[in-house]
Amino acid sequence: MSKALLFNKVIYSIFFICTIITCIIVYSKIDNSLASKFVIGYAVFALFMLLYVPIITLFNARKLKWDYLRKVLSKFVIMFATFFVLNCAFDYIFKSPNVDLLNAASHAVGLSFGLAFVDVTFLERRKK
């Protein structure tokens, strides 16, 4: 296992554990200075992850074969369209006739990016 792959797995594990701890702190309404500092630190870490994941994914995507990258991109586009339509339909049916397209698009982009490019972020196989 390479150092970069190990680093990615450690970062994701820390993020997952911190997410659980933050949810426990918030929903248990724990109010002390240590809990507040932890939640603020988690927010900063989440912003770091928001920048880190797409950058690492794009960096790793450069090394892939074009055929595989085209397959992943087409999977991303199909999933984006599917999630966008489903989100708009469910918003229209369950919430109100006023559908927020920007909200639906942002959820669809995040979900489809995460699902389509998860192997590009973690795996270093399929290089040229």
Protein backbone atom coordinates (compact mmCIF):
# COMPACT_ATOMS: atom_id res chain seq x y z
CA MET A 1 0.00 0.00 0.00
CA SER A 2 1.43 3.36 -0.97
CA LYS A 3 1.83 6.29 1.40
CA ALA A 4 -0.75 8.40 -0.45
CA LEU A 5 -3.36 5.65 -0.29
CA LEU A 6 -2.68 5.06 3.40
CA PHE A 7 -2.93 8.82 4.05
CA ASN A 8 -6.30 8.96 2.25
CA LYS A 9 -7.66 6.07 4.29
CA VAL A 10 -6.46 7.62 7.55
CA ILE A 11 -7.97 11.02 6.67
CA TYR A 12 -11.32 9.46 5.75
CA SER A 13 -11.33 7.35 8.93
CA ILE A 14 -10.62 10.38 11.09
CA PHE A 15 -13.35 12.32 9.30
CA PHE A 16 -15.86 9.50 9.84
CA ILE A 17 -15.03 9.16 13.54
CA CYS A 18 -15.13 12.94 14.09
CA THR A 19 -18.50 13.11 12.33
CA ILE A 20 -19.94 10.55 14.74
CA ILE A 21 -18.48 12.35 17.76
CA THR A 22 -19.79 15.72 16.53
CA CYS A 23 -23.27 14.28 16.00
CA ILE A 24 -23.23 12.89 19.54
CA ILE A 25 -22.10 16.27 20.92
CA VAL A 26 -24.73 18.22 19.01
CA TYR A 27 -27.69 15.90 19.59
CA SER A 28 -26.86 15.33 23.26
CA LYS A 29 -26.62 19.12 23.69
CA ILE A 30 -23.28 18.88 25.46
CA ASP A 31 -22.29 22.43 26.30
CA ASN A 32 -18.74 22.95 27.53
CA SER A 33 -15.64 24.58 26.13
CA LEU A 34 -13.97 21.34 25.01
CA ALA A 35 -17.05 20.24 23.06
CA SER A 36 -17.34 23.66 21.43
CA LYS A 37 -13.68 23.61 20.41
CA PHE A 38 -14.06 20.10 19.03
CA VAL A 39 -17.09 21.08 16.91
CA ILE A 40 -15.25 24.17 15.60
CA GLY A 41 -12.22 22.02 14.80
CA TYR A 42 -14.48 19.55 13.03
CA ALA A 43 -15.97 22.37 10.94
CA VAL A 44 -12.48 23.48 9.88
CA PHE A 45 -11.55 19.86 9.11
CA ALA A 46 -14.74 19.46 7.05
CA LEU A 47 -13.80 22.54 5.01
CA PHE A 48 -10.36 21.04 4.47
CA MET A 49 -11.96 17.80 3.27
CA LEU A 50 -14.23 19.79 0.96
CA LEU A 51 -11.12 21.10 -0.79
CA TYR A 52 -8.90 18.03 -0.42
CA VAL A 53 -11.15 15.38 -1.96
CA PRO A 54 -11.78 17.04 -5.36
CA ILE A 55 -8.13 18.08 -5.69
CA ILE A 56 -6.83 14.57 -4.96
CA THR A 57 -9.45 13.08 -7.26
CA LEU A 58 -8.42 15.35 -10.13
CA PHE A 59 -4.75 14.68 -9.41
CA ASN A 60 -5.31 10.91 -9.54
CA ALA A 61 -7.58 11.19 -12.60
CA ARG A 62 -4.68 12.61 -14.62
CA LYS A 63 -2.88 9.29 -14.29
CA LEU A 64 -5.76 7.15 -15.56
CA LYS A 65 -6.23 5.68 -19.00
CA TRP A 66 -8.58 7.69 -21.17
CA ASP A 67 -11.00 4.78 -21.71
CA TYR A 68 -11.49 4.28 -17.99
CA LEU A 69 -11.78 8.03 -17.35
CA ARG A 70 -14.42 8.35 -20.07
CA LYS A 71 -16.38 5.50 -18.44
CA VAL A 72 -16.22 7.20 -15.04
CA LEU A 73 -17.24 10.57 -16.50
CA SER A 74 -20.22 9.04 -18.29
CA LYS A 75 -21.22 7.32 -15.05
CA PHE A 76 -20.99 10.70 -13.31
CA VAL A 77 -23.20 12.42 -15.91
CA ILE A 78 -25.83 9.66 -15.83
CA MET A 79 -25.94 9.64 -12.03
CA PHE A 80 -26.10 13.44 -11.92
CA ALA A 81 -29.08 13.52 -14.27
CA THR A 82 -30.82 10.72 -12.36
CA PHE A 83 -30.30 12.26 -8.92
CA PHE A 84 -31.27 15.72 -10.16
CA VAL A 85 -34.55 14.50 -11.67
CA LEU A 86 -35.36 12.37 -8.62
CA ASN A 87 -34.59 15.23 -6.24
CA CYS A 88 -36.78 17.64 -8.21
CA ALA A 89 -39.60 15.10 -8.43
CA PHE A 90 -39.53 14.29 -4.72
CA ASP A 91 -39.34 17.98 -3.81
CA TYR A 92 -42.35 18.66 -6.01
CA ILE A 93 -44.35 15.73 -4.62
CA PHE A 94 -43.51 15.95 -0.92
CA LYS A 95 -42.52 19.56 -0.23
CA SER A 96 -44.16 22.07 -2.53
CA PRO A 97 -44.56 22.96 -6.19
CA ASN A 98 -41.72 25.49 -5.78
CA VAL A 99 -38.64 23.38 -6.51
CA ASP A 100 -35.24 24.85 -5.65
CA LEU A 101 -33.15 23.93 -8.70
CA LEU A 102 -29.84 25.14 -7.22
CA ASN A 103 -30.34 23.00 -4.13
CA ALA A 104 -31.29 19.98 -6.23
CA ALA A 105 -28.29 20.48 -8.52
CA SER A 106 -25.84 20.86 -5.64
CA HIS A 107 -27.08 17.67 -3.98
CA ALA A 108 -26.94 15.80 -7.29
CA VAL A 109 -23.38 16.99 -8.04
CA GLY A 110 -22.08 16.02 -4.60
CA LEU A 111 -23.71 12.62 -4.53
CA SER A 112 -22.82 11.67 -8.09
CA PHE A 113 -19.23 12.94 -7.72
CA GLY A 114 -18.75 10.94 -4.55
CA LEU A 115 -20.17 7.75 -6.02
CA ALA A 116 -18.56 7.97 -9.45
CA PHE A 117 -15.06 8.98 -8.38
CA VAL A 118 -14.62 7.09 -5.10
CA ASP A 119 -12.32 4.53 -6.70
CA VAL A 120 -10.28 7.28 -8.38
CA THR A 121 -9.72 8.91 -4.99
CA PHE A 122 -8.59 5.74 -3.23
CA LEU A 123 -7.14 3.36 -5.77
CA GLU A 124 -3.91 3.81 -7.63
CA ARG A 125 -4.45 1.02 -10.11
CA ARG A 126 -5.46 1.49 -13.75
CA LYS A 127 -2.60 3.89 -14.38
CA LYS A 128 -1.11 4.35 -17.81
